[in-house]
Amino acid sequence: MKRLTFSAAALTGAVLAATTFSTQVVADQKFITIGTGGQTGVYYVVGQSVCRMVNRNSDEHGVRCNAPSTGGSVANVNGMKSGELDMGVVQSDVHYRAYNGEANFEEGGAWGEMRSVFTMHGEPLTVIARADSGISEFADLKGKRVNIGNPGSGQRNTMDLVMGRMGWTVSDFALASQLDAAEQASALSDNNIDAMIYVVGHPNGSIQEATTTVDARLIPVTGAEIDGLIEEFPYYTRSVIPGGLYRGNDNDVETFGVAATFVSHAGVDDEVVYQTVKAVFENFDRFKRLHPAFANLNEESMVSDGLTAPLHDGAKRYYVERGWIQE
């Protein structure tokens, strides 16, 4: 009887100890939220993929991650500034303007608290037009029904700049719709718009949907105005969308674009950012397999290209440890 009593007491003690330990782990956990984009876009996959890597070992490092769909780059910057988001995926041009307080961030001033974490995939400005729309080059968009993007999205930001260089306003279109990324493919196939604009990595599910459900073609974005933008702004580069990615589009299409950057702010704990970066790069091959747009990522360019704001101290600590940058 004594032996049974002792065992029961020991078991009770063990359960209490385990419960106490479990409660302590939960209490010590840090929760982070990453701003992404529309659910059909690559930004959403970036956020979900980073969280997947982080959450694999959350019991060890105590960081838990979630990545909800958001309005895109500008919305992610504003979400981080307001404290609703800890990190976010942001186009390199929006990244630059937010840090320097330019364009639509001019009123709020430069956001010196923004911190770079790493660069992701390239993102060309992509124009998809119905084959029956009469659009064969970018200038043909004038007078047509065009989805220019929802306010707060990277494509709208880029399109506004391009429209300015072309001397266009929204009144130059028969319709300038502001649908978000998840809505525009169905609008194109339903003949509610003639063309859609998307700044995105390839291949992309929304463009796949658009070209599968209706005869549609990728439109080149070239010309003197575009050349001027590339020359003036360091975050823009010439891009080529490879032929064969989408039905009915067998030839390469020239355009220009930006890069997706992963950013945070100085108020986020260094250890949290360190563990986030570590989770991605120590599972790098696994991470790259999560989307075709990640296939050509390499560490060297990810820690340097397209990053306007200073590196977050947590990210810098990891990169120094790996020997990728100097102290």
C-alpha atoms as a PDB file:
ATOM      1  CA  MET A   1       0.000   0.000   0.000  1.00  0.00           C
ATOM      2  CA  LYS A   2       2.807   2.354   0.837  1.00  0.00           C
ATOM      3  CA  ARG A   3       4.327   1.694  -2.556  1.00  0.00           C
ATOM      4  CA  LEU A   4       1.092   2.532  -4.359  1.00  0.00           C
ATOM      5  CA  THR A   5       0.645   5.670  -2.296  1.00  0.00           C
ATOM      6  CA  PHE A   6       4.187   6.772  -3.113  1.00  0.00           C
ATOM      7  CA  SER A   7       3.647   6.143  -6.827  1.00  0.00           C
ATOM      8  CA  ALA A   8       0.456   8.138  -6.829  1.00  0.00           C
ATOM      9  CA  ALA A   9       2.175  11.013  -5.069  1.00  0.00           C
ATOM     10  CA  ALA A  10       5.091  10.863  -7.451  1.00  0.00           C
ATOM     11  CA  LEU A  11       2.729  10.843 -10.416  1.00  0.00           C
ATOM     12  CA  THR A  12       0.825  13.788  -9.027  1.00  0.00           C
ATOM     13  CA  GLY A  13       4.076  15.663  -8.510  1.00  0.00           C
ATOM     14  CA  ALA A  14       5.235  14.903 -12.011  1.00  0.00           C
ATOM     15  CA  VAL A  15       1.946  16.093 -13.492  1.00  0.00           C
ATOM     16  CA  LEU A  16       2.121  19.292 -11.484  1.00  0.00           C
ATOM     17  CA  ALA A  17       5.704  19.864 -12.544  1.00  0.00           C
ATOM     18  CA  ALA A  18       4.852  19.260 -16.196  1.00  0.00           C
ATOM     19  CA  THR A  19       1.860  21.573 -15.959  1.00  0.00           C
ATOM     20  CA  THR A  20       3.972  24.265 -14.361  1.00  0.00           C
ATOM     21  CA  PHE A  21       6.632  23.878 -17.056  1.00  0.00           C
ATOM     22  CA  SER A  22       4.016  23.942 -19.825  1.00  0.00           C
ATOM     23  CA  THR A  23       2.412  27.034 -18.326  1.00  0.00           C
ATOM     24  CA  GLN A  24       5.808  28.722 -18.139  1.00  0.00           C
ATOM     25  CA  VAL A  25       6.548  27.901 -21.816  1.00  0.00           C
ATOM     26  CA  VAL A  26       3.200  29.382 -22.856  1.00  0.00           C
ATOM     27  CA  ALA A  27       3.831  32.444 -20.694  1.00  0.00           C
ATOM     28  CA  ASP A  28       7.267  32.901 -22.266  1.00  0.00           C
ATOM     29  CA  GLN A  29       6.041  32.548 -25.854  1.00  0.00           C
ATOM     30  CA  LYS A  30       6.176  35.584 -28.108  1.00  0.00           C
ATOM     31  CA  PHE A  31       3.568  35.960 -30.821  1.00  0.00           C
ATOM     32  CA  ILE A  32       4.326  37.784 -34.069  1.00  0.00           C
ATOM     33  CA  THR A  33       2.051  38.849 -36.907  1.00  0.00           C
ATOM     34  CA  ILE A  34       3.335  39.245 -40.464  1.00  0.00           C
ATOM     35  CA  GLY A  35       1.494  41.414 -42.990  1.00  0.00           C
ATOM     36  CA  THR A  36       1.170  39.788 -46.425  1.00  0.00           C
ATOM     37  CA  GLY A  37      -1.192  40.553 -49.329  1.00  0.00           C
ATOM     38  CA  GLY A  38      -4.097  39.011 -51.225  1.00  0.00           C
ATOM     39  CA  GLN A  39      -4.568  35.265 -50.772  1.00  0.00           C
ATOM     40  CA  THR A  40      -3.837  34.510 -54.446  1.00  0.00           C
ATOM     41  CA  GLY A  41      -0.562  36.453 -54.443  1.00  0.00           C
ATOM     42  CA  VAL A  42       3.005  35.499 -53.570  1.00  0.00           C
ATOM     43  CA  TYR A  43       3.154  37.906 -50.597  1.00  0.00           C
ATOM     44  CA  TYR A  44       0.624  35.746 -48.813  1.00  0.00           C
ATOM     45  CA  VAL A  45       2.750  32.670 -49.542  1.00  0.00           C
ATOM     46  CA  VAL A  46       5.878  34.474 -48.269  1.00  0.00           C
ATOM     47  CA  GLY A  47       4.246  35.238 -44.926  1.00  0.00           C
ATOM     48  CA  GLN A  48       2.743  31.782 -44.586  1.00  0.00           C
ATOM     49  CA  SER A  49       6.071  30.173 -45.514  1.00  0.00           C
ATOM     50  CA  VAL A  50       8.072  32.206 -43.000  1.00  0.00           C
ATOM     51  CA  CYS A  51       5.550  31.305 -40.302  1.00  0.00           C
ATOM     52  CA  ARG A  52       5.729  27.666 -41.282  1.00  0.00           C
ATOM     53  CA  MET A  53       9.492  27.694 -40.735  1.00  0.00           C
ATOM     54  CA  VAL A  54       9.217  29.616 -37.447  1.00  0.00           C
ATOM     55  CA  ASN A  55       6.455  27.454 -36.025  1.00  0.00           C
ATOM     56  CA  ARG A  56       8.342  24.204 -36.777  1.00  0.00           C
ATOM     57  CA  ASN A  57      10.514  24.779 -33.694  1.00  0.00           C
ATOM     58  CA  SER A  58       8.410  27.157 -31.632  1.00  0.00           C
ATOM     59  CA  ASP A  59       8.690  24.859 -28.594  1.00  0.00           C
ATOM     60  CA  GLU A  60      12.437  25.478 -28.611  1.00  0.00           C
ATOM     61  CA  HIS A  61      12.680  29.217 -29.256  1.00  0.00           C
ATOM     62  CA  GLY A  62       9.272  30.331 -27.936  1.00  0.00           C
ATOM     63  CA  VAL A  63       8.154  32.312 -30.993  1.00  0.00           C
ATOM     64  CA  ARG A  64       4.738  31.694 -32.592  1.00  0.00           C
ATOM     65  CA  CYS A  65       3.836  33.263 -35.913  1.00  0.00           C
ATOM     66  CA  ASN A  66       0.726  34.034 -37.968  1.00  0.00           C
ATOM     67  CA  ALA A  67       0.433  35.749 -41.342  1.00  0.00           C
ATOM     68  CA  PRO A  68      -3.053  37.009 -42.253  1.00  0.00           C
ATOM     69  CA  SER A  69      -4.034  38.357 -45.654  1.00  0.00           C
ATOM     70  CA  THR A  70      -3.750  42.173 -45.870  1.00  0.00           C
ATOM     71  CA  GLY A  71      -4.119  44.980 -48.397  1.00  0.00           C
ATOM     72  CA  GLY A  72      -0.471  44.744 -49.478  1.00  0.00           C
ATOM     73  CA  SER A  73       2.711  46.795 -49.187  1.00  0.00           C
ATOM     74  CA  VAL A  74       1.416  50.188 -48.076  1.00  0.00           C
ATOM     75  CA  ALA A  75      -1.087  48.581 -45.714  1.00  0.00           C
ATOM     76  CA  ASN A  76       1.713  46.507 -44.215  1.00  0.00           C
ATOM     77  CA  VAL A  77       3.876  49.572 -43.573  1.00  0.00           C
ATOM     78  CA  ASN A  78       0.969  51.359 -41.930  1.00  0.00           C
ATOM     79  CA  GLY A  79       0.153  48.248 -39.910  1.00  0.00           C
ATOM     80  CA  MET A  80       3.697  48.086 -38.563  1.00  0.00           C
ATOM     81  CA  LYS A  81       3.687  51.801 -37.767  1.00  0.00           C
ATOM     82  CA  SER A  82       0.444  51.424 -35.813  1.00  0.00           C
ATOM     83  CA  GLY A  83       1.698  48.356 -33.933  1.00  0.00           C
ATOM     84  CA  GLU A  84      -0.825  45.941 -35.465  1.00  0.00           C
ATOM     85  CA  LEU A  85       1.928  44.094 -37.360  1.00  0.00           C
ATOM     86  CA  ASP A  86       5.422  43.084 -36.283  1.00  0.00           C
ATOM     87  CA  MET A  87       6.781  42.351 -39.740  1.00  0.00           C
ATOM     88  CA  GLY A  88       5.562  42.598 -43.307  1.00  0.00           C
ATOM     89  CA  VAL A  89       6.266  41.961 -46.973  1.00  0.00           C
ATOM     90  CA  VAL A  90       6.797  45.268 -48.783  1.00  0.00           C
ATOM     91  CA  GLN A  91       7.755  46.165 -52.343  1.00  0.00           C
ATOM     92  CA  SER A  92      11.235  47.684 -52.576  1.00  0.00           C
ATOM     93  CA  ASP A  93       9.871  50.981 -53.916  1.00  0.00           C
ATOM     94  CA  VAL A  94       7.327  51.277 -51.103  1.00  0.00           C
ATOM     95  CA  HIS A  95      10.085  50.306 -48.670  1.00  0.00           C
ATOM     96  CA  TYR A  96      12.223  53.180 -49.997  1.00  0.00           C
ATOM     97  CA  ARG A  97       9.432  55.761 -49.870  1.00  0.00           C
ATOM     98  CA  ALA A  98       8.281  54.807 -46.390  1.00  0.00           C
ATOM     99  CA  TYR A  99      11.781  54.999 -44.948  1.00  0.00           C
ATOM    100  CA  ASN A 100      12.465  58.336 -46.652  1.00  0.00           C
ATOM    101  CA  GLY A 101       8.984  59.855 -46.191  1.00  0.00           C
ATOM    102  CA  GLU A 102       8.261  60.331 -49.877  1.00  0.00           C
ATOM    103  CA  ALA A 103       5.168  60.156 -52.101  1.00  0.00           C
ATOM    104  CA  ASN A 104       2.159  58.824 -50.162  1.00  0.00           C
ATOM    105  CA  PHE A 105       4.291  58.727 -46.981  1.00  0.00           C
ATOM    106  CA  GLU A 106       5.286  62.388 -47.238  1.00  0.00           C
ATOM    107  CA  GLU A 107       2.617  63.648 -44.858  1.00  0.00           C
ATOM    108  CA  GLY A 108       3.656  61.264 -42.078  1.00  0.00           C
ATOM    109  CA  GLY A 109       7.354  61.918 -42.650  1.00  0.00           C
ATOM    110  CA  ALA A 110      10.277  59.532 -42.884  1.00  0.00           C
ATOM    111  CA  TRP A 111       9.837  56.363 -40.835  1.00  0.00           C
ATOM    112  CA  GLY A 112      13.289  55.986 -39.359  1.00  0.00           C
ATOM    113  CA  GLU A 113      12.167  53.042 -37.227  1.00  0.00           C
ATOM    114  CA  MET A 114      11.754  50.797 -40.279  1.00  0.00           C
ATOM    115  CA  ARG A 115      14.271  47.944 -40.388  1.00  0.00           C
ATOM    116  CA  SER A 116      15.206  45.577 -43.215  1.00  0.00           C
ATOM    117  CA  VAL A 117      15.268  41.834 -42.637  1.00  0.00           C
ATOM    118  CA  PHE A 118      15.884  40.277 -46.074  1.00  0.00           C
ATOM    119  CA  THR A 119      14.954  40.542 -49.757  1.00  0.00           C
ATOM    120  CA  MET A 120      12.725  38.019 -51.483  1.00  0.00           C
ATOM    121  CA  HIS A 121      11.898  37.417 -55.167  1.00  0.00           C
ATOM    122  CA  GLY A 122      11.765  39.910 -58.034  1.00  0.00           C
ATOM    123  CA  GLU A 123       8.378  41.331 -58.995  1.00  0.00           C
ATOM    124  CA  PRO A 124       7.767  42.671 -62.482  1.00  0.00           C
ATOM    125  CA  LEU A 125       4.872  44.976 -63.323  1.00  0.00           C
ATOM    126  CA  THR A 126       2.574  42.549 -65.091  1.00  0.00           C
ATOM    127  CA  VAL A 127      -0.205  43.607 -67.455  1.00  0.00           C
ATOM    128  CA  ILE A 128      -2.735  40.979 -68.560  1.00  0.00           C
ATOM    129  CA  ALA A 129      -5.250  41.946 -71.255  1.00  0.00           C
ATOM    130  CA  ARG A 130      -8.127  40.078 -72.829  1.00  0.00           C
ATOM    131  CA  ALA A 131      -7.218  38.926 -76.341  1.00  0.00           C
ATOM    132  CA  ASP A 132     -10.341  40.647 -77.701  1.00  0.00           C
ATOM    133  CA  SER A 133      -9.536  43.981 -76.008  1.00  0.00           C
ATOM    134  CA  GLY A 134      -7.395  45.472 -78.778  1.00  0.00           C
ATOM    135  CA  ILE A 135      -4.518  45.959 -76.323  1.00  0.00           C
ATOM    136  CA  SER A 136      -1.100  44.928 -77.624  1.00  0.00           C
ATOM    137  CA  GLU A 137       1.186  47.454 -75.911  1.00  0.00           C
ATOM    138  CA  PHE A 138       1.085  49.463 -72.706  1.00  0.00           C
ATOM    139  CA  ALA A 139      -0.035  52.700 -74.405  1.00  0.00           C
ATOM    140  CA  ASP A 140      -3.180  50.902 -75.614  1.00  0.00           C
ATOM    141  CA  LEU A 141      -4.518  50.840 -72.039  1.00  0.00           C
ATOM    142  CA  LYS A 142      -5.666  54.435 -72.455  1.00  0.00           C
ATOM    143  CA  GLY A 143      -9.420  54.496 -72.996  1.00  0.00           C
ATOM    144  CA  LYS A 144      -9.879  50.909 -71.808  1.00  0.00           C
ATOM    145  CA  ARG A 145     -11.389  49.326 -68.700  1.00  0.00           C
ATOM    146  CA  VAL A 146      -8.399  48.721 -66.466  1.00  0.00           C
ATOM    147  CA  ASN A 147      -8.043  47.477 -62.914  1.00  0.00           C
ATOM    148  CA  ILE A 148      -5.335  49.791 -61.551  1.00  0.00           C
ATOM    149  CA  GLY A 149      -5.249  48.123 -58.119  1.00  0.00           C
ATOM    150  CA  ASN A 150      -6.687  48.731 -54.681  1.00  0.00           C
ATOM    151  CA  PRO A 151      -5.394  51.652 -52.601  1.00  0.00           C
ATOM    152  CA  GLY A 152      -2.616  50.462 -50.315  1.00  0.00           C
ATOM    153  CA  SER A 153      -1.360  47.823 -52.729  1.00  0.00           C
ATOM    154  CA  GLY A 154       2.053  47.811 -54.356  1.00  0.00           C
ATOM    155  CA  GLN A 155       0.610  47.600 -57.850  1.00  0.00           C
ATOM    156  CA  ARG A 156      -1.479  50.714 -57.278  1.00  0.00           C
ATOM    157  CA  ASN A 157       1.565  52.551 -55.994  1.00  0.00           C
ATOM    158  CA  THR A 158       3.608  51.558 -59.059  1.00  0.00           C
ATOM    159  CA  MET A 159       0.742  52.183 -61.464  1.00  0.00           C
ATOM    160  CA  ASP A 160       0.200  55.682 -60.084  1.00  0.00           C
ATOM    161  CA  LEU A 161       3.851  56.487 -60.763  1.00  0.00           C
ATOM    162  CA  VAL A 162       3.740  55.046 -64.294  1.00  0.00           C
ATOM    163  CA  MET A 163       0.506  56.893 -65.045  1.00  0.00           C
ATOM    164  CA  GLY A 164       2.173  60.122 -63.969  1.00  0.00           C
ATOM    165  CA  ARG A 165       5.047  59.521 -66.385  1.00  0.00           C
ATOM    166  CA  MET A 166       2.602  58.709 -69.176  1.00  0.00           C
ATOM    167  CA  GLY A 167       0.641  61.884 -68.438  1.00  0.00           C
ATOM    168  CA  TRP A 168      -2.477  59.909 -67.560  1.00  0.00           C
ATOM    169  CA  THR A 169      -5.080  60.289 -64.847  1.00  0.00           C
ATOM    170  CA  VAL A 170      -7.874  57.875 -63.930  1.00  0.00           C
ATOM    171  CA  SER A 171     -10.194  59.847 -66.236  1.00  0.00           C
ATOM    172  CA  ASP A 172      -8.137  58.626 -69.219  1.00  0.00           C
ATOM    173  CA  PHE A 173      -9.591  55.130 -68.743  1.00  0.00           C
ATOM    174  CA  ALA A 174     -13.100  54.077 -69.689  1.00  0.00           C
ATOM    175  CA  LEU A 175     -13.081  52.462 -66.243  1.00  0.00           C
ATOM    176  CA  ALA A 176     -10.391  52.557 -63.567  1.00  0.00           C
ATOM    177  CA  SER A 177     -11.463  49.834 -61.145  1.00  0.00           C
ATOM    178  CA  GLN A 178      -9.776  49.312 -57.775  1.00  0.00           C
ATOM    179  CA  LEU A 179     -10.308  45.610 -57.180  1.00  0.00           C
ATOM    180  CA  ASP A 180      -7.908  43.752 -54.942  1.00  0.00           C
ATOM    181  CA  ALA A 181      -5.665  40.979 -56.209  1.00  0.00           C
ATOM    182  CA  ALA A 182      -8.116  38.178 -55.407  1.00  0.00           C
ATOM    183  CA  GLU A 183     -10.934  39.745 -57.450  1.00  0.00           C
ATOM    184  CA  GLN A 184      -9.302  40.899 -60.660  1.00  0.00           C
ATOM    185  CA  ALA A 185      -8.879  37.563 -62.474  1.00  0.00           C
ATOM    186  CA  SER A 186     -12.606  36.797 -62.312  1.00  0.00           C
ATOM    187  CA  ALA A 187     -13.386  40.371 -63.405  1.00  0.00           C
ATOM    188  CA  LEU A 188     -11.211  39.835 -66.493  1.00  0.00           C
ATOM    189  CA  SER A 189     -12.799  36.484 -67.354  1.00  0.00           C
ATOM    190  CA  ASP A 190     -16.312  37.911 -66.787  1.00  0.00           C
ATOM    191  CA  ASN A 191     -15.511  40.758 -69.215  1.00  0.00           C
ATOM    192  CA  ASN A 192     -15.948  43.412 -66.546  1.00  0.00           C
ATOM    193  CA  ILE A 193     -12.469  44.788 -67.323  1.00  0.00           C
ATOM    194  CA  ASP A 194     -10.202  44.696 -70.372  1.00  0.00           C
ATOM    195  CA  ALA A 195      -6.919  44.491 -68.479  1.00  0.00           C
ATOM    196  CA  MET A 196      -5.523  43.942 -65.004  1.00  0.00           C
ATOM    197  CA  ILE A 197      -2.321  45.237 -63.436  1.00  0.00           C
ATOM    198  CA  TYR A 198      -0.332  43.148 -60.984  1.00  0.00           C
ATOM    199  CA  VAL A 199       3.133  43.634 -59.482  1.00  0.00           C
ATOM    200  CA  VAL A 200       3.963  40.081 -58.556  1.00  0.00           C
ATOM    201  CA  GLY A 201       6.443  37.222 -58.706  1.00  0.00           C
ATOM    202  CA  HIS A 202       5.946  34.470 -61.253  1.00  0.00           C
ATOM    203  CA  PRO A 203       4.378  32.019 -61.721  1.00  0.00           C
ATOM    204  CA  ASN A 204       1.283  33.399 -60.013  1.00  0.00           C
ATOM    205  CA  GLY A 205      -2.055  31.750 -59.282  1.00  0.00           C
ATOM    206  CA  SER A 206      -4.182  34.785 -60.113  1.00  0.00           C
ATOM    207  CA  ILE A 207      -2.572  35.174 -63.546  1.00  0.00           C
ATOM    208  CA  GLN A 208      -2.819  31.418 -64.047  1.00  0.00           C
ATOM    209  CA  GLU A 209      -6.547  31.715 -63.352  1.00  0.00           C
ATOM    210  CA  ALA A 210      -6.968  34.666 -65.723  1.00  0.00           C
ATOM    211  CA  THR A 211      -5.160  33.029 -68.657  1.00  0.00           C
ATOM    212  CA  THR A 212      -6.907  29.697 -68.112  1.00  0.00           C
ATOM    213  CA  THR A 213     -10.475  31.014 -67.968  1.00  0.00           C
ATOM    214  CA  VAL A 214     -10.225  33.460 -70.885  1.00  0.00           C
ATOM    215  CA  ASP A 215      -7.944  34.088 -73.850  1.00  0.00           C
ATOM    216  CA  ALA A 216      -5.567  36.687 -72.420  1.00  0.00           C
ATOM    217  CA  ARG A 217      -2.035  37.852 -73.100  1.00  0.00           C
ATOM    218  CA  LEU A 218       0.829  39.430 -71.235  1.00  0.00           C
ATOM    219  CA  ILE A 219       1.519  42.969 -72.436  1.00  0.00           C
ATOM    220  CA  PRO A 220       5.078  44.385 -72.603  1.00  0.00           C
ATOM    221  CA  VAL A 221       5.781  47.471 -70.494  1.00  0.00           C
ATOM    222  CA  THR A 222       8.540  49.317 -72.329  1.00  0.00           C
ATOM    223  CA  GLY A 223       9.327  52.718 -73.830  1.00  0.00           C
ATOM    224  CA  ALA A 224      11.083  55.988 -73.075  1.00  0.00           C
ATOM    225  CA  GLU A 225       8.953  56.705 -69.995  1.00  0.00           C
ATOM    226  CA  ILE A 226       9.832  53.338 -68.490  1.00  0.00           C
ATOM    227  CA  ASP A 227      13.511  53.792 -69.347  1.00  0.00           C
ATOM    228  CA  GLY A 228      13.414  57.084 -67.455  1.00  0.00           C
ATOM    229  CA  LEU A 229      11.920  55.440 -64.367  1.00  0.00           C
ATOM    230  CA  ILE A 230      14.573  52.722 -64.311  1.00  0.00           C
ATOM    231  CA  GLU A 231      17.347  55.290 -64.680  1.00  0.00           C
ATOM    232  CA  GLU A 232      15.988  57.559 -61.943  1.00  0.00           C
ATOM    233  CA  PHE A 233      14.981  55.065 -59.257  1.00  0.00           C
ATOM    234  CA  PRO A 234      17.511  52.505 -57.962  1.00  0.00           C
ATOM    235  CA  TYR A 235      14.846  50.054 -56.798  1.00  0.00           C
ATOM    236  CA  TYR A 236      13.544  49.478 -60.354  1.00  0.00           C
ATOM    237  CA  THR A 237      15.147  47.020 -62.771  1.00  0.00           C
ATOM    238  CA  ARG A 238      14.319  45.625 -66.198  1.00  0.00           C
ATOM    239  CA  SER A 239      12.554  42.285 -66.022  1.00  0.00           C
ATOM    240  CA  VAL A 240      11.520  39.517 -68.367  1.00  0.00           C
ATOM    241  CA  ILE A 241       8.527  37.259 -67.737  1.00  0.00           C
ATOM    242  CA  PRO A 242       9.532  33.917 -69.269  1.00  0.00           C
ATOM    243  CA  GLY A 243       7.373  32.482 -72.016  1.00  0.00           C
ATOM    244  CA  GLY A 244       5.538  29.248 -71.377  1.00  0.00           C
ATOM    245  CA  LEU A 245       4.429  29.984 -67.808  1.00  0.00           C
ATOM    246  CA  TYR A 246       0.825  30.711 -68.809  1.00  0.00           C
ATOM    247  CA  ARG A 247      -1.571  29.352 -71.409  1.00  0.00           C
ATOM    248  CA  GLY A 248      -1.383  31.254 -74.692  1.00  0.00           C
ATOM    249  CA  ASN A 249       1.759  33.154 -73.719  1.00  0.00           C
ATOM    250  CA  ASP A 250       4.676  31.274 -75.234  1.00  0.00           C
ATOM    251  CA  ASN A 251       7.067  34.193 -75.751  1.00  0.00           C
ATOM    252  CA  ASP A 252       9.153  36.164 -73.244  1.00  0.00           C
ATOM    253  CA  VAL A 253       7.634  39.535 -72.323  1.00  0.00           C
ATOM    254  CA  GLU A 254       9.752  42.557 -71.402  1.00  0.00           C
ATOM    255  CA  THR A 255       8.736  44.769 -68.520  1.00  0.00           C
ATOM    256  CA  PHE A 256      10.289  46.305 -65.402  1.00  0.00           C
ATOM    257  CA  GLY A 257       9.822  45.783 -61.730  1.00  0.00           C
ATOM    258  CA  VAL A 258      10.807  45.811 -58.111  1.00  0.00           C
ATOM    259  CA  ALA A 259      11.642  43.230 -55.467  1.00  0.00           C
ATOM    260  CA  ALA A 260       9.670  41.981 -52.502  1.00  0.00           C
ATOM    261  CA  THR A 261      11.388  42.849 -49.231  1.00  0.00           C
ATOM    262  CA  PHE A 262      10.726  41.450 -45.771  1.00  0.00           C
ATOM    263  CA  VAL A 263      10.821  44.211 -43.171  1.00  0.00           C
ATOM    264  CA  SER A 264      10.220  44.916 -39.503  1.00  0.00           C
ATOM    265  CA  HIS A 265      10.772  47.845 -37.168  1.00  0.00           C
ATOM    266  CA  ALA A 266      13.116  48.751 -34.339  1.00  0.00           C
ATOM    267  CA  GLY A 267      10.455  48.074 -31.699  1.00  0.00           C
ATOM    268  CA  VAL A 268      10.397  44.330 -32.400  1.00  0.00           C
ATOM    269  CA  ASP A 269      12.567  42.321 -30.024  1.00  0.00           C
ATOM    270  CA  ASP A 270      16.002  41.433 -31.443  1.00  0.00           C
ATOM    271  CA  GLU A 271      15.684  37.801 -30.374  1.00  0.00           C
ATOM    272  CA  VAL A 272      12.355  37.437 -32.179  1.00  0.00           C
ATOM    273  CA  VAL A 273      13.820  38.718 -35.452  1.00  0.00           C
ATOM    274  CA  TYR A 274      16.945  36.610 -34.954  1.00  0.00           C
ATOM    275  CA  GLN A 275      14.874  33.441 -34.508  1.00  0.00           C
ATOM    276  CA  THR A 276      12.682  34.326 -37.506  1.00  0.00           C
ATOM    277  CA  VAL A 277      15.698  34.790 -39.783  1.00  0.00           C
ATOM    278  CA  LYS A 278      17.392  31.691 -38.394  1.00  0.00           C
ATOM    279  CA  ALA A 279      14.262  29.610 -39.033  1.00  0.00           C
ATOM    280  CA  VAL A 280      14.220  30.634 -42.702  1.00  0.00           C
ATOM    281  CA  PHE A 281      17.915  30.216 -43.492  1.00  0.00           C
ATOM    282  CA  GLU A 282      18.468  27.036 -41.520  1.00  0.00           C
ATOM    283  CA  ASN A 283      15.580  25.468 -43.424  1.00  0.00           C
ATOM    284  CA  PHE A 284      16.481  27.221 -46.661  1.00  0.00           C
ATOM    285  CA  ASP A 285      16.107  24.326 -49.118  1.00  0.00           C
ATOM    286  CA  ARG A 286      12.740  23.463 -47.585  1.00  0.00           C
ATOM    287  CA  PHE A 287      11.702  27.129 -47.725  1.00  0.00           C
ATOM    288  CA  LYS A 288      12.639  27.472 -51.417  1.00  0.00           C
ATOM    289  CA  ARG A 289      10.418  24.536 -52.321  1.00  0.00           C
ATOM    290  CA  LEU A 290       7.296  26.225 -50.946  1.00  0.00           C
ATOM    291  CA  HIS A 291       6.717  28.351 -54.082  1.00  0.00           C
ATOM    292  CA  PRO A 292       8.243  28.450 -57.595  1.00  0.00           C
ATOM    293  CA  ALA A 293       9.024  32.166 -57.137  1.00  0.00           C
ATOM    294  CA  PHE A 294      11.484  31.195 -54.369  1.00  0.00           C
ATOM    295  CA  ALA A 295      13.443  28.711 -56.485  1.00  0.00           C
ATOM    296  CA  ASN A 296      16.259  31.086 -57.462  1.00  0.00           C
ATOM    297  CA  LEU A 297      16.705  32.786 -54.109  1.00  0.00           C
ATOM    298  CA  ASN A 298      20.250  32.955 -52.773  1.00  0.00           C
ATOM    299  CA  GLU A 299      21.552  34.139 -49.421  1.00  0.00           C
ATOM    300  CA  GLU A 300      24.004  36.710 -50.783  1.00  0.00           C
ATOM    301  CA  SER A 301      21.411  38.778 -52.633  1.00  0.00           C
ATOM    302  CA  MET A 302      18.761  38.315 -49.937  1.00  0.00           C
ATOM    303  CA  VAL A 303      20.852  40.110 -47.310  1.00  0.00           C
ATOM    304  CA  SER A 304      21.805  43.060 -49.514  1.00  0.00           C
ATOM    305  CA  ASP A 305      19.730  43.768 -52.645  1.00  0.00           C
ATOM    306  CA  GLY A 306      16.880  46.263 -52.523  1.00  0.00           C
ATOM    307  CA  LEU A 307      17.192  47.009 -48.810  1.00  0.00           C
ATOM    308  CA  THR A 308      16.860  50.736 -48.111  1.00  0.00           C
ATOM    309  CA  ALA A 309      16.361  50.753 -44.347  1.00  0.00           C
ATOM    310  CA  PRO A 310      19.161  49.539 -42.026  1.00  0.00           C
ATOM    311  CA  LEU A 311      19.186  45.874 -41.097  1.00  0.00           C
ATOM    312  CA  HIS A 312      17.318  44.984 -37.928  1.00  0.00           C
ATOM    313  CA  ASP A 313      19.828  44.190 -35.172  1.00  0.00           C
ATOM    314  CA  GLY A 314      18.367  40.688 -34.800  1.00  0.00           C
ATOM    315  CA  ALA A 315      18.852  39.953 -38.506  1.00  0.00           C
ATOM    316  CA  LYS A 316      22.313  41.532 -38.510  1.00  0.00           C
ATOM    317  CA  ARG A 317      23.372  39.333 -35.608  1.00  0.00           C
ATOM    318  CA  TYR A 318      22.496  36.174 -37.538  1.00  0.00           C
ATOM    319  CA  TYR A 319      24.158  37.345 -40.776  1.00  0.00           C
ATOM    320  CA  VAL A 320      27.361  38.203 -38.914  1.00  0.00           C
ATOM    321  CA  GLU A 321      27.342  34.759 -37.302  1.00  0.00           C
ATOM    322  CA  ARG A 322      27.062  33.172 -40.748  1.00  0.00           C
ATOM    323  CA  GLY A 323      29.854  35.357 -42.135  1.00  0.00           C
ATOM    324  CA  TRP A 324      27.592  36.912 -44.764  1.00  0.00           C
ATOM    325  CA  ILE A 325      28.243  40.475 -43.572  1.00  0.00           C
ATOM    326  CA  GLN A 326      30.836  42.201 -41.425  1.00  0.00           C
ATOM    327  CA  GLU A 327      30.103  43.525 -37.920  1.00  0.00           C
END
